[in-house]
Full PDB file with SEQRES, HELIX, SHEET, SSBOND, CRYST1, ORIGX, SCALE, CONECT and MASTER records, all heavy atoms in Angstrom:
SEQRES   1 A   37  SER PRO VAL THR SER SER ILE GLN ASN THR PRO LEU ALA          
SEQRES   2 A   37  PRO GLY HIS PRO ARG VAL THR THR GLY THR PHE ALA ILE          
SEQRES   3 A   37  THR ASN LYS CYS LYS SER PRO GLU ALA ALA MET                  
HELIX    1 AA1 PRO A   33  ALA A   36  1                                   4    
CRYST1    1.000    1.000    1.000  90.00  90.00  90.00 P 1           1          
ORIGX1      1.000000  0.000000  0.000000        0.00000                         
ORIGX2      0.000000  1.000000  0.000000        0.00000                         
ORIGX3      0.000000  0.000000  1.000000        0.00000                         
SCALE1      1.000000  0.000000  0.000000        0.00000                         
SCALE2      0.000000  1.000000  0.000000        0.00000                         
SCALE3      0.000000  0.000000  1.000000        0.00000                         
ATOM      1  N   SER A   1     107.038 -88.197 263.386  1.00  0.00           N  
ATOM      2  CA  SER A   1     105.815 -88.180 262.705  1.00  0.00           C  
ATOM      3  C   SER A   1     104.714 -87.762 263.807  1.00  0.00           C  
ATOM      4  O   SER A   1     104.782 -88.164 264.852  1.00  0.00           O  
ATOM      5  CB  SER A   1     105.294 -89.476 262.201  1.00  0.00           C  
ATOM      6  OG  SER A   1     106.264 -89.827 261.130  1.00  0.00           O  
ATOM      7  N   PRO A   2     103.670 -87.150 263.326  1.00  0.00           N  
ATOM      8  CA  PRO A   2     102.388 -86.920 264.260  1.00  0.00           C  
ATOM      9  C   PRO A   2     101.905 -88.241 264.722  1.00  0.00           C  
ATOM     10  O   PRO A   2     101.804 -89.193 263.972  1.00  0.00           O  
ATOM     11  CB  PRO A   2     101.372 -86.143 263.441  1.00  0.00           C  
ATOM     12  CG  PRO A   2     102.096 -85.601 262.383  1.00  0.00           C  
ATOM     13  CD  PRO A   2     103.295 -86.549 262.116  1.00  0.00           C  
ATOM     14  N   VAL A   3     101.689 -88.315 266.047  1.00  0.00           N  
ATOM     15  CA  VAL A   3     101.058 -89.568 266.580  1.00  0.00           C  
ATOM     16  C   VAL A   3      99.600 -89.336 267.106  1.00  0.00           C  
ATOM     17  O   VAL A   3      99.277 -88.239 267.370  1.00  0.00           O  
ATOM     18  CB  VAL A   3     102.013 -90.150 267.821  1.00  0.00           C  
ATOM     19  CG1 VAL A   3     103.411 -90.500 267.307  1.00  0.00           C  
ATOM     20  CG2 VAL A   3     102.052 -88.954 268.852  1.00  0.00           C  
ATOM     21  N   THR A   4      98.927 -90.417 267.208  1.00  0.00           N  
ATOM     22  CA  THR A   4      97.620 -90.381 267.770  1.00  0.00           C  
ATOM     23  C   THR A   4      97.450 -90.886 269.212  1.00  0.00           C  
ATOM     24  O   THR A   4      98.636 -91.185 269.736  1.00  0.00           O  
ATOM     25  CB  THR A   4      96.673 -91.312 266.803  1.00  0.00           C  
ATOM     26  OG1 THR A   4      97.039 -92.591 267.007  1.00  0.00           O  
ATOM     27  CG2 THR A   4      96.664 -90.776 265.439  1.00  0.00           C  
ATOM     28  N   SER A   5      96.205 -90.865 269.772  1.00  0.00           N  
ATOM     29  CA  SER A   5      96.084 -91.159 271.127  1.00  0.00           C  
ATOM     30  C   SER A   5      94.696 -91.732 271.310  1.00  0.00           C  
ATOM     31  O   SER A   5      94.014 -91.714 270.286  1.00  0.00           O  
ATOM     32  CB  SER A   5      96.258 -90.002 272.031  1.00  0.00           C  
ATOM     33  OG  SER A   5      95.382 -89.084 271.923  1.00  0.00           O  
ATOM     34  N   SER A   6      94.321 -92.078 272.538  1.00  0.00           N  
ATOM     35  CA  SER A   6      92.975 -92.484 272.835  1.00  0.00           C  
ATOM     36  C   SER A   6      92.025 -91.565 272.486  1.00  0.00           C  
ATOM     37  O   SER A   6      90.732 -91.820 272.465  1.00  0.00           O  
ATOM     38  CB  SER A   6      92.923 -93.067 274.218  1.00  0.00           C  
ATOM     39  OG  SER A   6      93.223 -92.071 275.143  1.00  0.00           O  
ATOM     40  N   ILE A   7      92.419 -90.251 272.596  1.00  0.00           N  
ATOM     41  CA  ILE A   7      91.356 -89.221 272.314  1.00  0.00           C  
ATOM     42  C   ILE A   7      91.580 -88.333 270.978  1.00  0.00           C  
ATOM     43  O   ILE A   7      90.745 -87.583 270.699  1.00  0.00           O  
ATOM     44  CB  ILE A   7      91.341 -87.994 273.509  1.00  0.00           C  
ATOM     45  CG1 ILE A   7      92.763 -87.350 273.578  1.00  0.00           C  
ATOM     46  CG2 ILE A   7      91.039 -88.854 274.813  1.00  0.00           C  
ATOM     47  CD1 ILE A   7      92.716 -86.307 274.461  1.00  0.00           C  
ATOM     48  N   GLN A   8      92.532 -88.853 270.195  1.00  0.00           N  
ATOM     49  CA  GLN A   8      92.720 -88.209 268.841  1.00  0.00           C  
ATOM     50  C   GLN A   8      93.122 -89.344 267.967  1.00  0.00           C  
ATOM     51  O   GLN A   8      94.355 -89.829 268.007  1.00  0.00           O  
ATOM     52  CB  GLN A   8      93.804 -87.148 268.961  1.00  0.00           C  
ATOM     53  CG  GLN A   8      94.292 -86.526 267.654  1.00  0.00           C  
ATOM     54  CD  GLN A   8      93.124 -85.786 266.925  1.00  0.00           C  
ATOM     55  OE1 GLN A   8      92.260 -85.145 267.603  1.00  0.00           O  
ATOM     56  NE2 GLN A   8      93.081 -85.778 265.673  1.00  0.00           N  
ATOM     57  N   ASN A   9      92.043 -89.824 267.152  1.00  0.00           N  
ATOM     58  CA  ASN A   9      92.500 -91.096 266.350  1.00  0.00           C  
ATOM     59  C   ASN A   9      92.951 -90.950 265.056  1.00  0.00           C  
ATOM     60  O   ASN A   9      93.137 -91.897 264.218  1.00  0.00           O  
ATOM     61  CB  ASN A   9      91.111 -92.024 266.446  1.00  0.00           C  
ATOM     62  CG  ASN A   9      89.963 -91.286 265.744  1.00  0.00           C  
ATOM     63  OD1 ASN A   9      90.095 -90.168 265.154  1.00  0.00           O  
ATOM     64  ND2 ASN A   9      88.752 -91.688 266.141  1.00  0.00           N  
ATOM     65  N   THR A  10      93.185 -89.589 264.575  1.00  0.00           N  
ATOM     66  CA  THR A  10      93.780 -89.457 263.282  1.00  0.00           C  
ATOM     67  C   THR A  10      94.937 -88.378 263.520  1.00  0.00           C  
ATOM     68  O   THR A  10      94.957 -87.680 264.413  1.00  0.00           O  
ATOM     69  CB  THR A  10      92.746 -88.686 262.404  1.00  0.00           C  
ATOM     70  OG1 THR A  10      92.342 -87.595 262.906  1.00  0.00           O  
ATOM     71  CG2 THR A  10      91.658 -89.590 262.015  1.00  0.00           C  
ATOM     72  N   PRO A  11      96.003 -88.607 262.798  1.00  0.00           N  
ATOM     73  CA  PRO A  11      97.230 -87.733 262.891  1.00  0.00           C  
ATOM     74  C   PRO A  11      96.814 -86.279 262.647  1.00  0.00           C  
ATOM     75  O   PRO A  11      95.962 -85.837 261.965  1.00  0.00           O  
ATOM     76  CB  PRO A  11      98.068 -88.138 261.895  1.00  0.00           C  
ATOM     77  CG  PRO A  11      97.696 -89.590 261.467  1.00  0.00           C  
ATOM     78  CD  PRO A  11      96.226 -89.590 261.736  1.00  0.00           C  
ATOM     79  N   LEU A  12      97.396 -85.418 263.383  1.00  0.00           N  
ATOM     80  CA  LEU A  12      97.131 -83.964 263.352  1.00  0.00           C  
ATOM     81  C   LEU A  12      98.390 -83.137 263.554  1.00  0.00           C  
ATOM     82  O   LEU A  12      99.237 -83.564 264.299  1.00  0.00           O  
ATOM     83  CB  LEU A  12      96.166 -83.489 264.534  1.00  0.00           C  
ATOM     84  CG  LEU A  12      95.790 -82.067 264.566  1.00  0.00           C  
ATOM     85  CD1 LEU A  12      94.913 -81.724 263.364  1.00  0.00           C  
ATOM     86  CD2 LEU A  12      94.927 -81.875 265.920  1.00  0.00           C  
ATOM     87  N   ALA A  13      98.540 -82.056 262.887  1.00  0.00           N  
ATOM     88  CA  ALA A  13      99.624 -81.183 262.912  1.00  0.00           C  
ATOM     89  C   ALA A  13      99.224 -79.823 262.734  1.00  0.00           C  
ATOM     90  O   ALA A  13      98.358 -79.492 261.846  1.00  0.00           O  
ATOM     91  CB  ALA A  13     100.762 -81.462 261.979  1.00  0.00           C  
ATOM     92  N   PRO A  14      99.884 -78.776 263.419  1.00  0.00           N  
ATOM     93  CA  PRO A  14      99.297 -77.449 263.144  1.00  0.00           C  
ATOM     94  C   PRO A  14     100.032 -76.858 261.914  1.00  0.00           C  
ATOM     95  O   PRO A  14     101.141 -77.152 261.510  1.00  0.00           O  
ATOM     96  CB  PRO A  14     100.021 -76.597 264.299  1.00  0.00           C  
ATOM     97  CG  PRO A  14     101.242 -77.330 264.759  1.00  0.00           C  
ATOM     98  CD  PRO A  14     100.727 -78.919 264.524  1.00  0.00           C  
ATOM     99  N   GLY A  15      99.114 -76.279 261.078  1.00  0.00           N  
ATOM    100  CA  GLY A  15      99.402 -75.854 259.797  1.00  0.00           C  
ATOM    101  C   GLY A  15      99.653 -74.276 259.766  1.00  0.00           C  
ATOM    102  O   GLY A  15      99.378 -73.672 260.768  1.00  0.00           O  
ATOM    103  N   HIS A  16     100.244 -73.681 258.649  1.00  0.00           N  
ATOM    104  CA  HIS A  16     100.467 -72.469 258.603  1.00  0.00           C  
ATOM    105  C   HIS A  16      99.771 -71.906 257.338  1.00  0.00           C  
ATOM    106  O   HIS A  16      99.730 -72.473 256.299  1.00  0.00           O  
ATOM    107  CB  HIS A  16     101.948 -72.189 258.271  1.00  0.00           C  
ATOM    108  CG  HIS A  16     102.454 -70.758 258.586  1.00  0.00           C  
ATOM    109  ND1 HIS A  16     102.099 -69.765 257.591  1.00  0.00           N  
ATOM    110  CD2 HIS A  16     103.173 -70.147 259.542  1.00  0.00           C  
ATOM    111  CE1 HIS A  16     102.645 -68.602 258.083  1.00  0.00           C  
ATOM    112  NE2 HIS A  16     103.373 -68.827 259.226  1.00  0.00           N  
ATOM    113  N   PRO A  17      99.198 -70.729 257.516  1.00  0.00           N  
ATOM    114  CA  PRO A  17      98.315 -70.193 256.401  1.00  0.00           C  
ATOM    115  C   PRO A  17      99.112 -69.631 255.189  1.00  0.00           C  
ATOM    116  O   PRO A  17      98.676 -69.224 254.264  1.00  0.00           O  
ATOM    117  CB  PRO A  17      97.602 -68.883 256.966  1.00  0.00           C  
ATOM    118  CG  PRO A  17      98.336 -68.509 258.247  1.00  0.00           C  
ATOM    119  CD  PRO A  17      99.058 -69.842 258.671  1.00  0.00           C  
ATOM    120  N   ARG A  18     100.525 -69.640 255.429  1.00  0.00           N  
ATOM    121  CA  ARG A  18     101.418 -69.306 254.352  1.00  0.00           C  
ATOM    122  C   ARG A  18     101.724 -67.888 254.151  1.00  0.00           C  
ATOM    123  O   ARG A  18     102.467 -67.469 253.233  1.00  0.00           O  
ATOM    124  CB  ARG A  18     101.189 -70.008 253.004  1.00  0.00           C  
ATOM    125  CG  ARG A  18     100.844 -71.480 253.099  1.00  0.00           C  
ATOM    126  CD  ARG A  18     101.880 -72.236 253.881  1.00  0.00           C  
ATOM    127  NE  ARG A  18     103.066 -72.405 253.132  1.00  0.00           N  
ATOM    128  CZ  ARG A  18     104.251 -72.864 253.670  1.00  0.00           C  
ATOM    129  NH1 ARG A  18     104.388 -73.178 254.960  1.00  0.00           N  
ATOM    130  NH2 ARG A  18     105.365 -72.957 252.942  1.00  0.00           N  
ATOM    131  N   VAL A  19     100.943 -67.067 254.830  1.00  0.00           N  
ATOM    132  CA  VAL A  19     101.131 -65.645 254.769  1.00  0.00           C  
ATOM    133  C   VAL A  19     101.219 -65.086 256.293  1.00  0.00           C  
ATOM    134  O   VAL A  19     100.553 -65.687 257.179  1.00  0.00           O  
ATOM    135  CB  VAL A  19      99.939 -65.026 254.132  1.00  0.00           C  
ATOM    136  CG1 VAL A  19     100.033 -63.340 254.282  1.00  0.00           C  
ATOM    137  CG2 VAL A  19      99.866 -65.219 252.691  1.00  0.00           C  
ATOM    138  N   THR A  20     102.097 -64.235 256.528  1.00  0.00           N  
ATOM    139  CA  THR A  20     102.310 -63.644 257.833  1.00  0.00           C  
ATOM    140  C   THR A  20     101.961 -62.168 257.911  1.00  0.00           C  
ATOM    141  O   THR A  20     102.538 -61.472 257.018  1.00  0.00           O  
ATOM    142  CB  THR A  20     103.704 -63.974 258.498  1.00  0.00           C  
ATOM    143  OG1 THR A  20     104.691 -63.369 257.609  1.00  0.00           O  
ATOM    144  CG2 THR A  20     103.937 -65.398 258.576  1.00  0.00           C  
ATOM    145  N   THR A  21     101.137 -61.878 258.776  1.00  0.00           N  
ATOM    146  CA  THR A  21     101.015 -60.420 259.121  1.00  0.00           C  
ATOM    147  C   THR A  21     102.143 -59.713 259.720  1.00  0.00           C  
ATOM    148  O   THR A  21     102.547 -58.633 259.501  1.00  0.00           O  
ATOM    149  CB  THR A  21      99.682 -60.026 259.779  1.00  0.00           C  
ATOM    150  OG1 THR A  21      99.771 -60.698 261.038  1.00  0.00           O  
ATOM    151  CG2 THR A  21      98.459 -60.483 258.950  1.00  0.00           C  
ATOM    152  N   GLY A  22     102.614 -60.470 260.693  1.00  0.00           N  
ATOM    153  CA  GLY A  22     103.901 -59.972 261.451  1.00  0.00           C  
ATOM    154  C   GLY A  22     103.564 -58.721 262.157  1.00  0.00           C  
ATOM    155  O   GLY A  22     102.379 -58.383 262.531  1.00  0.00           O  
ATOM    156  N   THR A  23     104.539 -57.978 262.367  1.00  0.00           N  
ATOM    157  CA  THR A  23     104.437 -56.733 263.135  1.00  0.00           C  
ATOM    158  C   THR A  23     104.976 -55.505 262.223  1.00  0.00           C  
ATOM    159  O   THR A  23     106.084 -55.600 261.809  1.00  0.00           O  
ATOM    160  CB  THR A  23     105.259 -56.671 264.482  1.00  0.00           C  
ATOM    161  OG1 THR A  23     104.884 -57.805 265.217  1.00  0.00           O  
ATOM    162  CG2 THR A  23     105.185 -55.494 265.274  1.00  0.00           C  
ATOM    163  N   PHE A  24     104.103 -54.690 261.929  1.00  0.00           N  
ATOM    164  CA  PHE A  24     104.501 -53.587 261.191  1.00  0.00           C  
ATOM    165  C   PHE A  24     103.524 -52.281 261.605  1.00  0.00           C  
ATOM    166  O   PHE A  24     102.376 -52.399 261.667  1.00  0.00           O  
ATOM    167  CB  PHE A  24     104.267 -53.831 259.590  1.00  0.00           C  
ATOM    168  CG  PHE A  24     104.466 -52.658 258.753  1.00  0.00           C  
ATOM    169  CD1 PHE A  24     105.865 -52.399 258.387  1.00  0.00           C  
ATOM    170  CD2 PHE A  24     103.546 -51.691 258.270  1.00  0.00           C  
ATOM    171  CE1 PHE A  24     106.055 -51.257 257.430  1.00  0.00           C  
ATOM    172  CE2 PHE A  24     103.883 -50.757 257.465  1.00  0.00           C  
ATOM    173  CZ  PHE A  24     105.152 -50.479 257.138  1.00  0.00           C  
ATOM    174  N   ALA A  25     104.153 -51.257 261.958  1.00  0.00           N  
ATOM    175  CA  ALA A  25     103.530 -50.024 262.357  1.00  0.00           C  
ATOM    176  C   ALA A  25     104.106 -48.799 261.713  1.00  0.00           C  
ATOM    177  O   ALA A  25     105.355 -48.697 261.422  1.00  0.00           O  
ATOM    178  CB  ALA A  25     103.472 -49.893 263.803  1.00  0.00           C  
ATOM    179  N   ILE A  26     103.302 -47.751 261.494  1.00  0.00           N  
ATOM    180  CA  ILE A  26     103.648 -46.536 260.941  1.00  0.00           C  
ATOM    181  C   ILE A  26     103.254 -45.441 262.174  1.00  0.00           C  
ATOM    182  O   ILE A  26     102.114 -45.367 262.392  1.00  0.00           O  
ATOM    183  CB  ILE A  26     103.051 -46.093 259.628  1.00  0.00           C  
ATOM    184  CG1 ILE A  26     103.408 -47.232 258.641  1.00  0.00           C  
ATOM    185  CG2 ILE A  26     103.483 -44.692 259.169  1.00  0.00           C  
ATOM    186  CD1 ILE A  26     102.679 -46.925 257.283  1.00  0.00           C  
ATOM    187  N   THR A  27     104.235 -44.691 262.575  1.00  0.00           N  
ATOM    188  CA  THR A  27     103.993 -43.795 263.560  1.00  0.00           C  
ATOM    189  C   THR A  27     103.735 -42.327 263.023  1.00  0.00           C  
ATOM    190  O   THR A  27     103.820 -42.144 261.780  1.00  0.00           O  
ATOM    191  CB  THR A  27     105.175 -43.582 264.496  1.00  0.00           C  
ATOM    192  OG1 THR A  27     106.189 -42.851 263.851  1.00  0.00           O  
ATOM    193  CG2 THR A  27     105.621 -44.991 265.027  1.00  0.00           C  
ATOM    194  N   ASN A  28     103.218 -41.457 263.768  1.00  0.00           N  
ATOM    195  CA  ASN A  28     102.985 -40.085 263.315  1.00  0.00           C  
ATOM    196  C   ASN A  28     104.191 -39.329 262.997  1.00  0.00           C  
ATOM    197  O   ASN A  28     104.157 -38.224 262.608  1.00  0.00           O  
ATOM    198  CB  ASN A  28     102.088 -39.316 264.242  1.00  0.00           C  
ATOM    199  CG  ASN A  28     102.692 -39.096 265.539  1.00  0.00           C  
ATOM    200  OD1 ASN A  28     103.863 -39.515 265.799  1.00  0.00           O  
ATOM    201  ND2 ASN A  28     101.957 -38.576 266.436  1.00  0.00           N  
ATOM    202  N   LYS A  29     105.417 -39.922 263.167  1.00  0.00           N  
ATOM    203  CA  LYS A  29     106.633 -39.326 262.870  1.00  0.00           C  
ATOM    204  C   LYS A  29     107.240 -39.726 261.381  1.00  0.00           C  
ATOM    205  O   LYS A  29     108.133 -39.006 261.046  1.00  0.00           O  
ATOM    206  CB  LYS A  29     107.807 -39.702 263.762  1.00  0.00           C  
ATOM    207  CG  LYS A  29     107.493 -39.365 265.367  1.00  0.00           C  
ATOM    208  CD  LYS A  29     107.297 -37.963 265.650  1.00  0.00           C  
ATOM    209  CE  LYS A  29     106.984 -37.757 267.094  1.00  0.00           C  
ATOM    210  NZ  LYS A  29     106.807 -36.372 267.371  1.00  0.00           N  
ATOM    211  N   CYS A  30     106.476 -40.478 260.877  1.00  0.00           N  
ATOM    212  CA  CYS A  30     106.896 -41.098 259.392  1.00  0.00           C  
ATOM    213  C   CYS A  30     106.484 -39.914 258.498  1.00  0.00           C  
ATOM    214  O   CYS A  30     105.244 -39.478 258.403  1.00  0.00           O  
ATOM    215  CB  CYS A  30     106.106 -42.219 259.099  1.00  0.00           C  
ATOM    216  SG  CYS A  30     106.481 -42.881 257.449  1.00  0.00           S  
ATOM    217  N   LYS A  31     107.364 -39.491 257.716  1.00  0.00           N  
ATOM    218  CA  LYS A  31     107.209 -38.387 256.785  1.00  0.00           C  
ATOM    219  C   LYS A  31     106.605 -38.845 255.542  1.00  0.00           C  
ATOM    220  O   LYS A  31     105.946 -38.060 254.678  1.00  0.00           O  
ATOM    221  CB  LYS A  31     108.536 -37.569 256.478  1.00  0.00           C  
ATOM    222  CG  LYS A  31     109.085 -36.841 257.797  1.00  0.00           C  
ATOM    223  CD  LYS A  31     110.433 -36.197 257.310  1.00  0.00           C  
ATOM    224  CE  LYS A  31     110.953 -35.347 258.577  1.00  0.00           C  
ATOM    225  NZ  LYS A  31     112.216 -34.703 258.203  1.00  0.00           N  
ATOM    226  N   SER A  32     106.706 -40.124 255.176  1.00  0.00           N  
ATOM    227  CA  SER A  32     106.230 -40.670 253.848  1.00  0.00           C  
ATOM    228  C   SER A  32     105.460 -42.010 254.157  1.00  0.00           C  
ATOM    229  O   SER A  32     106.038 -43.153 253.850  1.00  0.00           O  
ATOM    230  CB  SER A  32     107.360 -40.943 252.992  1.00  0.00           C  
ATOM    231  OG  SER A  32     108.097 -39.614 252.653  1.00  0.00           O  
ATOM    232  N   PRO A  33     104.321 -41.981 254.747  1.00  0.00           N  
ATOM    233  CA  PRO A  33     103.623 -43.146 255.008  1.00  0.00           C  
ATOM    234  C   PRO A  33     103.331 -43.969 253.749  1.00  0.00           C  
ATOM    235  O   PRO A  33     103.120 -45.164 253.787  1.00  0.00           O  
ATOM    236  CB  PRO A  33     102.290 -42.654 255.703  1.00  0.00           C  
ATOM    237  CG  PRO A  33     102.184 -41.225 255.442  1.00  0.00           C  
ATOM    238  CD  PRO A  33     103.585 -40.746 255.257  1.00  0.00           C  
ATOM    239  N   GLU A  34     103.040 -43.295 252.705  1.00  0.00           N  
ATOM    240  CA  GLU A  34     102.827 -44.006 251.365  1.00  0.00           C  
ATOM    241  C   GLU A  34     103.934 -44.798 251.092  1.00  0.00           C  
ATOM    242  O   GLU A  34     103.734 -45.957 250.536  1.00  0.00           O  
ATOM    243  CB  GLU A  34     102.369 -43.004 250.311  1.00  0.00           C  
ATOM    244  CG  GLU A  34     101.124 -42.230 250.568  1.00  0.00           C  
ATOM    245  CD  GLU A  34     101.441 -40.999 251.373  1.00  0.00           C  
ATOM    246  OE1 GLU A  34     102.576 -40.758 251.726  1.00  0.00           O  
ATOM    247  OE2 GLU A  34     100.506 -40.084 251.343  1.00  0.00           O  
ATOM    248  N   ALA A  35     105.187 -44.382 251.179  1.00  0.00           N  
ATOM    249  CA  ALA A  35     106.209 -44.980 250.823  1.00  0.00           C  
ATOM    250  C   ALA A  35     106.498 -46.335 251.898  1.00  0.00           C  
ATOM    251  O   ALA A  35     107.044 -47.374 251.436  1.00  0.00           O  
ATOM    252  CB  ALA A  35     107.602 -44.191 250.923  1.00  0.00           C  
ATOM    253  N   ALA A  36     106.225 -45.944 253.062  1.00  0.00           N  
ATOM    254  CA  ALA A  36     106.358 -47.124 254.117  1.00  0.00           C  
ATOM    255  C   ALA A  36     105.336 -48.249 253.660  1.00  0.00           C  
ATOM    256  O   ALA A  36     105.698 -49.404 253.907  1.00  0.00           O  
ATOM    257  CB  ALA A  36     106.067 -46.609 255.481  1.00  0.00           C  
ATOM    258  N   MET A  37     104.006 -47.909 253.380  1.00  0.00           N  
ATOM    259  CA  MET A  37     103.251 -48.994 252.863  1.00  0.00           C  
ATOM    260  C   MET A  37     103.586 -49.624 251.745  1.00  0.00           C  
ATOM    261  O   MET A  37     103.434 -50.948 251.483  1.00  0.00           O  
ATOM    262  CB  MET A  37     101.706 -48.333 252.649  1.00  0.00           C  
ATOM    263  CG  MET A  37     101.103 -47.933 253.876  1.00  0.00           C  
ATOM    264  SD  MET A  37     100.844 -49.529 254.987  1.00  0.00           S  
ATOM    265  CE  MET A  37     100.146 -50.659 253.859  1.00  0.00           C  
TER     266      MET A  37                                                      
MASTER        0    0    0    1    0    0    0    6  265    1    0    3          
END                                                                             
């Protein structure tokens, strides 16, 4: 469980926005960028 300390008096945990952008790129070699998108 998240623990507190003398400088953090309420439990805290890093959250996730539930959507990831990740890594995705289209180069100029792609013949069908619309399909890639």
